[in-house]
Amino acid sequence: MSVTTSGLTAVRAGLLDYQAAWDEQRRLHEAVVAGEQGDTVLLLEHPSVYTAGKRTEPWDRPMDGTPVVDVDRGGKITWHGPGQLVGYPIVRLPDPVDVVAYVRRTEQLLIDVCAEFGLAAGRVEGRSGVWVPEDDRGPARKVAAIGIRVARGVTLHGFSINCDCDLGFFDRIVPCGIRDAGVTSLTAELGRPISVADVLPVVERHLPTLTRV
């Protein structure tokens, strides 16, 4: 299913293997670079998988031999799996390309999505992603992750937001290389079930934030 908003097409891809999603990203990227396709965002869930960005250290990886896919995005290691909504925007950035500004727009999209569900989340200086601030429940906790690559002015990879996933998968790694902070989900923070199906249309509604300059 595809939804087009403000010139940006969102494709609901369902549950998709990581390699298949990566192949589709690259296909779309070539089409957008060539001007054959407009800005497109893949929205999906992955079967359980760990992916390691360029800055992943050997000690960041799971110690139990769990398979890890090495990818060409920024950042360190993270987990994707059922109950987590993943977004891969393949969008052309305006000249001059400003990757930091694009990351900030992606963060704002996710902050606004959390707010719609009643969760106050925001940025943490020096850390990527979107965070629930420190409170009486514990230190700052990451609810959404961001990992971006830009090639020939068009983005690859993207974001993930934890809806009702099994947070135990993050216990095997140091998520995004940050040792003194936790990982959370909308369901864990709000104390009520929030599924990917609940979050999907809200994310779609906020996607124009990505291309708003």
C-alpha atoms as a PDB file:
ATOM      1  CA  MET A   1       0.000   0.000   0.000  1.00  0.00           C
ATOM      2  CA  SER A   2       1.265   3.485  -0.884  1.00  0.00           C
ATOM      3  CA  VAL A   3       0.214   6.861   0.508  1.00  0.00           C
ATOM      4  CA  THR A   4       1.327  10.142  -1.089  1.00  0.00           C
ATOM      5  CA  THR A   5       1.529  13.313   1.019  1.00  0.00           C
ATOM      6  CA  SER A   6       3.071  16.629  -0.040  1.00  0.00           C
ATOM      7  CA  GLY A   7       4.893  15.004  -2.947  1.00  0.00           C
ATOM      8  CA  LEU A   8       6.380  12.248  -0.781  1.00  0.00           C
ATOM      9  CA  THR A   9       5.234   8.632  -1.237  1.00  0.00           C
ATOM     10  CA  ALA A  10       5.064   6.322   1.793  1.00  0.00           C
ATOM     11  CA  VAL A  11       5.164   2.604   0.982  1.00  0.00           C
ATOM     12  CA  ARG A  12       3.880   0.165   3.600  1.00  0.00           C
ATOM     13  CA  ALA A  13       6.124  -2.847   3.040  1.00  0.00           C
ATOM     14  CA  GLY A  14       4.955  -5.023   5.963  1.00  0.00           C
ATOM     15  CA  LEU A  15       7.410  -7.537   7.457  1.00  0.00           C
ATOM     16  CA  LEU A  16      10.493  -7.517   5.239  1.00  0.00           C
ATOM     17  CA  ASP A  17      13.851  -9.264   5.549  1.00  0.00           C
ATOM     18  CA  TYR A  18      16.717  -6.826   6.131  1.00  0.00           C
ATOM     19  CA  GLN A  19      18.601  -7.782   2.955  1.00  0.00           C
ATOM     20  CA  ALA A  20      15.446  -7.485   0.834  1.00  0.00           C
ATOM     21  CA  ALA A  21      14.786  -4.042   2.317  1.00  0.00           C
ATOM     22  CA  TRP A  22      18.376  -2.984   1.625  1.00  0.00           C
ATOM     23  CA  ASP A  23      18.091  -4.143  -1.993  1.00  0.00           C
ATOM     24  CA  GLU A  24      14.879  -2.119  -2.363  1.00  0.00           C
ATOM     25  CA  GLN A  25      16.512   0.940  -0.789  1.00  0.00           C
ATOM     26  CA  ARG A  26      19.335   0.793  -3.307  1.00  0.00           C
ATOM     27  CA  ARG A  27      16.913   0.350  -6.204  1.00  0.00           C
ATOM     28  CA  LEU A  28      14.867   3.345  -5.078  1.00  0.00           C
ATOM     29  CA  HIS A  29      18.007   5.379  -4.431  1.00  0.00           C
ATOM     30  CA  GLU A  30      19.188   4.880  -8.022  1.00  0.00           C
ATOM     31  CA  ALA A  31      15.734   5.854  -9.315  1.00  0.00           C
ATOM     32  CA  VAL A  32      15.543   9.017  -7.196  1.00  0.00           C
ATOM     33  CA  VAL A  33      19.104  10.027  -8.135  1.00  0.00           C
ATOM     34  CA  ALA A  34      18.218   9.544 -11.818  1.00  0.00           C
ATOM     35  CA  GLY A  35      15.045  11.597 -11.471  1.00  0.00           C
ATOM     36  CA  GLU A  36      12.883   8.602 -12.387  1.00  0.00           C
ATOM     37  CA  GLN A  37      11.150   8.440  -8.993  1.00  0.00           C
ATOM     38  CA  GLY A  38       9.983  10.994  -6.470  1.00  0.00           C
ATOM     39  CA  ASP A  39      10.898  11.051  -2.779  1.00  0.00           C
ATOM     40  CA  THR A  40       9.835   7.744  -1.213  1.00  0.00           C
ATOM     41  CA  VAL A  41       9.758   6.341   2.333  1.00  0.00           C
ATOM     42  CA  LEU A  42       9.661   2.600   3.043  1.00  0.00           C
ATOM     43  CA  LEU A  43       7.791   1.822   6.277  1.00  0.00           C
ATOM     44  CA  LEU A  44       8.164  -1.716   7.584  1.00  0.00           C
ATOM     45  CA  GLU A  45       9.110  -4.191  10.289  1.00  0.00           C
ATOM     46  CA  HIS A  46      12.095  -6.530  10.113  1.00  0.00           C
ATOM     47  CA  PRO A  47      12.474 -10.063  11.420  1.00  0.00           C
ATOM     48  CA  SER A  48      14.893  -9.944  14.357  1.00  0.00           C
ATOM     49  CA  VAL A  49      18.343  -8.702  13.242  1.00  0.00           C
ATOM     50  CA  TYR A  50      21.325  -6.737  14.575  1.00  0.00           C
ATOM     51  CA  THR A  51      22.902  -4.162  12.256  1.00  0.00           C
ATOM     52  CA  ALA A  52      26.279  -2.510  12.800  1.00  0.00           C
ATOM     53  CA  GLY A  53      27.129   0.954  11.468  1.00  0.00           C
ATOM     54  CA  LYS A  54      30.584   2.195  10.525  1.00  0.00           C
ATOM     55  CA  ARG A  55      31.589   3.204  14.074  1.00  0.00           C
ATOM     56  CA  THR A  56      30.818  -0.178  15.688  1.00  0.00           C
ATOM     57  CA  GLU A  57      33.676  -1.510  17.825  1.00  0.00           C
ATOM     58  CA  PRO A  58      34.326  -5.250  18.291  1.00  0.00           C
ATOM     59  CA  TRP A  59      33.220  -5.037  21.936  1.00  0.00           C
ATOM     60  CA  ASP A  60      29.889  -3.469  20.933  1.00  0.00           C
ATOM     61  CA  ARG A  61      28.804  -6.706  19.269  1.00  0.00           C
ATOM     62  CA  PRO A  62      26.805  -9.445  21.034  1.00  0.00           C
ATOM     63  CA  MET A  63      29.052 -11.809  22.949  1.00  0.00           C
ATOM     64  CA  ASP A  64      26.877 -14.881  22.287  1.00  0.00           C
ATOM     65  CA  GLY A  65      27.637 -15.124  18.565  1.00  0.00           C
ATOM     66  CA  THR A  66      24.299 -13.689  17.421  1.00  0.00           C
ATOM     67  CA  PRO A  67      24.622 -12.783  13.710  1.00  0.00           C
ATOM     68  CA  VAL A  68      25.234  -9.125  12.849  1.00  0.00           C
ATOM     69  CA  VAL A  69      24.761  -7.428   9.469  1.00  0.00           C
ATOM     70  CA  ASP A  70      27.388  -4.753   8.744  1.00  0.00           C
ATOM     71  CA  VAL A  71      25.867  -1.732   6.992  1.00  0.00           C
ATOM     72  CA  ASP A  72      27.170   1.515   5.497  1.00  0.00           C
ATOM     73  CA  ARG A  73      25.222   3.947   7.654  1.00  0.00           C
ATOM     74  CA  GLY A  74      26.599   6.134  10.405  1.00  0.00           C
ATOM     75  CA  GLY A  75      26.412   5.127  14.041  1.00  0.00           C
ATOM     76  CA  LYS A  76      27.084   1.890  15.877  1.00  0.00           C
ATOM     77  CA  ILE A  77      25.121  -1.307  16.523  1.00  0.00           C
ATOM     78  CA  THR A  78      21.383  -1.585  16.974  1.00  0.00           C
ATOM     79  CA  TRP A  79      18.572  -4.140  16.824  1.00  0.00           C
ATOM     80  CA  HIS A  80      15.570  -4.289  14.523  1.00  0.00           C
ATOM     81  CA  GLY A  81      12.643  -6.664  14.876  1.00  0.00           C
ATOM     82  CA  PRO A  82       8.906  -7.171  15.292  1.00  0.00           C
ATOM     83  CA  GLY A  83       7.142  -4.451  17.259  1.00  0.00           C
ATOM     84  CA  GLN A  84       9.500  -1.767  15.963  1.00  0.00           C
ATOM     85  CA  LEU A  85       8.494   0.504  13.074  1.00  0.00           C
ATOM     86  CA  VAL A  86      11.379   1.196  10.693  1.00  0.00           C
ATOM     87  CA  GLY A  87      11.397   4.027   8.167  1.00  0.00           C
ATOM     88  CA  TYR A  88      13.781   4.293   5.229  1.00  0.00           C
ATOM     89  CA  PRO A  89      13.372   7.713   3.559  1.00  0.00           C
ATOM     90  CA  ILE A  90      14.905   7.891   0.088  1.00  0.00           C
ATOM     91  CA  VAL A  91      14.682  11.652  -0.424  1.00  0.00           C
ATOM     92  CA  ARG A  92      16.648  14.249  -2.351  1.00  0.00           C
ATOM     93  CA  LEU A  93      18.175  16.894  -0.087  1.00  0.00           C
ATOM     94  CA  PRO A  94      18.293  20.511  -1.264  1.00  0.00           C
ATOM     95  CA  ASP A  95      21.615  22.078  -2.259  1.00  0.00           C
ATOM     96  CA  PRO A  96      23.816  22.735  -0.438  1.00  0.00           C
ATOM     97  CA  VAL A  97      23.337  19.343   1.241  1.00  0.00           C
ATOM     98  CA  ASP A  98      23.027  19.753   5.020  1.00  0.00           C
ATOM     99  CA  VAL A  99      23.021  16.316   6.645  1.00  0.00           C
ATOM    100  CA  VAL A 100      22.812  17.678  10.204  1.00  0.00           C
ATOM    101  CA  ALA A 101      19.690  19.681   9.350  1.00  0.00           C
ATOM    102  CA  TYR A 102      18.122  16.553   7.840  1.00  0.00           C
ATOM    103  CA  VAL A 103      18.888  14.552  10.995  1.00  0.00           C
ATOM    104  CA  ARG A 104      17.261  17.322  13.074  1.00  0.00           C
ATOM    105  CA  ARG A 105      14.140  17.158  10.888  1.00  0.00           C
ATOM    106  CA  THR A 106      14.042  13.383  11.337  1.00  0.00           C
ATOM    107  CA  GLU A 107      14.326  13.816  15.112  1.00  0.00           C
ATOM    108  CA  GLN A 108      11.507  16.371  15.051  1.00  0.00           C
ATOM    109  CA  LEU A 109       9.260  13.989  13.134  1.00  0.00           C
ATOM    110  CA  LEU A 110       9.781  11.317  15.805  1.00  0.00           C
ATOM    111  CA  ILE A 111       9.350  13.782  18.682  1.00  0.00           C
ATOM    112  CA  ASP A 112       6.030  14.894  17.180  1.00  0.00           C
ATOM    113  CA  VAL A 113       4.883  11.282  16.754  1.00  0.00           C
ATOM    114  CA  CYS A 114       5.664  10.520  20.409  1.00  0.00           C
ATOM    115  CA  ALA A 115       3.775  13.657  21.471  1.00  0.00           C
ATOM    116  CA  GLU A 116       0.649  12.487  19.651  1.00  0.00           C
ATOM    117  CA  PHE A 117       0.601   9.422  21.886  1.00  0.00           C
ATOM    118  CA  GLY A 118       1.143  11.522  25.005  1.00  0.00           C
ATOM    119  CA  LEU A 119       4.859  10.831  25.462  1.00  0.00           C
ATOM    120  CA  ALA A 120       7.177  13.800  26.026  1.00  0.00           C
ATOM    121  CA  ALA A 121      10.430  12.956  24.253  1.00  0.00           C
ATOM    122  CA  GLY A 122      13.267  15.068  22.926  1.00  0.00           C
ATOM    123  CA  ARG A 123      16.925  15.372  22.032  1.00  0.00           C
ATOM    124  CA  VAL A 124      19.970  14.734  24.209  1.00  0.00           C
ATOM    125  CA  GLU A 125      23.017  16.878  23.444  1.00  0.00           C
ATOM    126  CA  GLY A 126      25.740  14.855  21.769  1.00  0.00           C
ATOM    127  CA  ARG A 127      23.550  11.801  21.182  1.00  0.00           C
ATOM    128  CA  SER A 128      21.511  10.861  18.145  1.00  0.00           C
ATOM    129  CA  GLY A 129      17.939   9.671  18.264  1.00  0.00           C
ATOM    130  CA  VAL A 130      14.957  10.616  20.374  1.00  0.00           C
ATOM    131  CA  TRP A 131      14.935  10.205  24.139  1.00  0.00           C
ATOM    132  CA  VAL A 132      12.638  10.098  27.137  1.00  0.00           C
ATOM    133  CA  PRO A 133      14.345  12.378  29.669  1.00  0.00           C
ATOM    134  CA  GLU A 134      15.766  11.197  32.979  1.00  0.00           C
ATOM    135  CA  ASP A 135      13.079  10.875  35.650  1.00  0.00           C
ATOM    136  CA  ASP A 136      12.291   8.887  38.788  1.00  0.00           C
ATOM    137  CA  ARG A 137      12.112   5.721  36.667  1.00  0.00           C
ATOM    138  CA  GLY A 138      15.748   6.010  35.634  1.00  0.00           C
ATOM    139  CA  PRO A 139      18.237   7.710  33.301  1.00  0.00           C
ATOM    140  CA  ALA A 140      17.396   9.001  29.830  1.00  0.00           C
ATOM    141  CA  ARG A 141      16.029   6.231  27.605  1.00  0.00           C
ATOM    142  CA  LYS A 142      16.109   6.024  23.813  1.00  0.00           C
ATOM    143  CA  VAL A 143      12.710   5.407  22.211  1.00  0.00           C
ATOM    144  CA  ALA A 144      13.741   6.034  18.592  1.00  0.00           C
ATOM    145  CA  ALA A 145      17.033   5.602  16.725  1.00  0.00           C
ATOM    146  CA  ILE A 146      18.420   7.358  13.649  1.00  0.00           C
ATOM    147  CA  GLY A 147      21.169   6.253  11.253  1.00  0.00           C
ATOM    148  CA  ILE A 148      21.633   8.128   7.984  1.00  0.00           C
ATOM    149  CA  ARG A 149      23.765   7.972   4.872  1.00  0.00           C
ATOM    150  CA  VAL A 150      23.659  10.480   2.008  1.00  0.00           C
ATOM    151  CA  ALA A 151      24.998   9.553  -1.434  1.00  0.00           C
ATOM    152  CA  ARG A 152      24.763  11.829  -4.485  1.00  0.00           C
ATOM    153  CA  GLY A 153      22.465  14.128  -2.539  1.00  0.00           C
ATOM    154  CA  VAL A 154      19.873  11.426  -1.759  1.00  0.00           C
ATOM    155  CA  THR A 155      19.348   9.776   1.635  1.00  0.00           C
ATOM    156  CA  LEU A 156      19.553   6.104   2.615  1.00  0.00           C
ATOM    157  CA  HIS A 157      18.798   4.210   5.833  1.00  0.00           C
ATOM    158  CA  GLY A 158      16.700   6.199   8.307  1.00  0.00           C
ATOM    159  CA  PHE A 159      14.938   5.748  11.634  1.00  0.00           C
ATOM    160  CA  SER A 160      13.247   3.248  13.923  1.00  0.00           C
ATOM    161  CA  ILE A 161      10.748   3.765  16.724  1.00  0.00           C
ATOM    162  CA  ASN A 162      10.095   1.137  19.385  1.00  0.00           C
ATOM    163  CA  CYS A 163       6.362   0.481  19.658  1.00  0.00           C
ATOM    164  CA  ASP A 164       5.760  -2.795  21.499  1.00  0.00           C
ATOM    165  CA  CYS A 165       8.948  -4.735  20.741  1.00  0.00           C
ATOM    166  CA  ASP A 166      10.759  -7.113  23.095  1.00  0.00           C
ATOM    167  CA  LEU A 167      13.332  -4.817  24.698  1.00  0.00           C
ATOM    168  CA  GLY A 168      15.317  -7.842  25.881  1.00  0.00           C
ATOM    169  CA  PHE A 169      17.039  -7.967  22.484  1.00  0.00           C
ATOM    170  CA  PHE A 170      18.863  -4.741  23.377  1.00  0.00           C
ATOM    171  CA  ASP A 171      20.356  -6.372  26.485  1.00  0.00           C
ATOM    172  CA  ARG A 172      22.822  -8.357  24.337  1.00  0.00           C
ATOM    173  CA  ILE A 173      24.468  -5.220  22.926  1.00  0.00           C
ATOM    174  CA  VAL A 174      25.442  -1.672  23.817  1.00  0.00           C
ATOM    175  CA  PRO A 175      22.742   0.031  21.723  1.00  0.00           C
ATOM    176  CA  CYS A 176      24.261   2.717  19.493  1.00  0.00           C
ATOM    177  CA  GLY A 177      27.435   2.477  21.611  1.00  0.00           C
ATOM    178  CA  ILE A 178      25.917   4.307  24.597  1.00  0.00           C
ATOM    179  CA  ARG A 179      26.637   2.475  27.853  1.00  0.00           C
ATOM    180  CA  ASP A 180      25.028   4.745  30.435  1.00  0.00           C
ATOM    181  CA  ALA A 181      21.515   4.954  29.012  1.00  0.00           C
ATOM    182  CA  GLY A 182      18.655   2.568  28.422  1.00  0.00           C
ATOM    183  CA  VAL A 183      16.259   1.728  25.622  1.00  0.00           C
ATOM    184  CA  THR A 184      12.499   1.948  25.918  1.00  0.00           C
ATOM    185  CA  SER A 185       9.303   1.739  23.876  1.00  0.00           C
ATOM    186  CA  LEU A 186       6.045   3.634  23.587  1.00  0.00           C
ATOM    187  CA  THR A 187       4.270   0.720  25.261  1.00  0.00           C
ATOM    188  CA  ALA A 188       6.730   0.582  28.181  1.00  0.00           C
ATOM    189  CA  GLU A 189       6.571   4.326  28.802  1.00  0.00           C
ATOM    190  CA  LEU A 190       2.825   4.800  28.439  1.00  0.00           C
ATOM    191  CA  GLY A 191       1.714   1.630  30.208  1.00  0.00           C
ATOM    192  CA  ARG A 192      -0.698   0.664  27.447  1.00  0.00           C
ATOM    193  CA  PRO A 193      -0.253  -1.336  24.244  1.00  0.00           C
ATOM    194  CA  ILE A 194       0.940   0.786  21.311  1.00  0.00           C
ATOM    195  CA  SER A 195       1.435  -1.322  18.183  1.00  0.00           C
ATOM    196  CA  VAL A 196       3.199  -0.688  14.890  1.00  0.00           C
ATOM    197  CA  ALA A 197      -0.259  -0.539  13.301  1.00  0.00           C
ATOM    198  CA  ASP A 198      -1.150   2.297  15.706  1.00  0.00           C
ATOM    199  CA  VAL A 199       2.017   4.262  14.961  1.00  0.00           C
ATOM    200  CA  LEU A 200       2.183   3.772  11.190  1.00  0.00           C
ATOM    201  CA  PRO A 201      -0.518   6.288  10.146  1.00  0.00           C
ATOM    202  CA  VAL A 202       0.799   8.871  12.612  1.00  0.00           C
ATOM    203  CA  VAL A 203       4.299   8.606  11.148  1.00  0.00           C
ATOM    204  CA  GLU A 204       2.848   8.903   7.641  1.00  0.00           C
ATOM    205  CA  ARG A 205       1.060  12.101   8.602  1.00  0.00           C
ATOM    206  CA  HIS A 206       4.305  13.658   9.867  1.00  0.00           C
ATOM    207  CA  LEU A 207       6.552  12.587   6.969  1.00  0.00           C
ATOM    208  CA  PRO A 208       6.401  16.019   5.252  1.00  0.00           C
ATOM    209  CA  THR A 209       8.614  17.262   8.129  1.00  0.00           C
ATOM    210  CA  LEU A 210      11.517  15.445   6.424  1.00  0.00           C
ATOM    211  CA  THR A 211      11.463  17.703   3.371  1.00  0.00           C
ATOM    212  CA  ARG A 212      10.432  20.935   5.064  1.00  0.00           C
ATOM    213  CA  VAL A 213      13.336  23.387   4.844  1.00  0.00           C
END
